[in-house]
Amino acid sequence: MRRQTKVVSTLALGAALAAVMQGCESFDKTMDSVDRANTTAERVDRTADRTERNVERAGDRVGD
């Protein structure tokens, strides 16, 4: 009976480890998505700043 319990415990531990590994893979994919989103947000901010400067310069030229 002990041997059977040990085998079942080992199988349960293996299944738990597989679930954790799968969860880690999902977490890594999520973090990659977050990194890409942050990169895109930074790019959008730089574009907005550049556009704002261009609009100001264009307004200055029109005022001349």
Foldseek 3Di string as FASTA:
>chain_A
DVVVVVVVVVVVVVVVVVVVVVVVVVVVVVVVVVVVVVVVVVVVVVVVVVVVVVVVVVVVVVVD
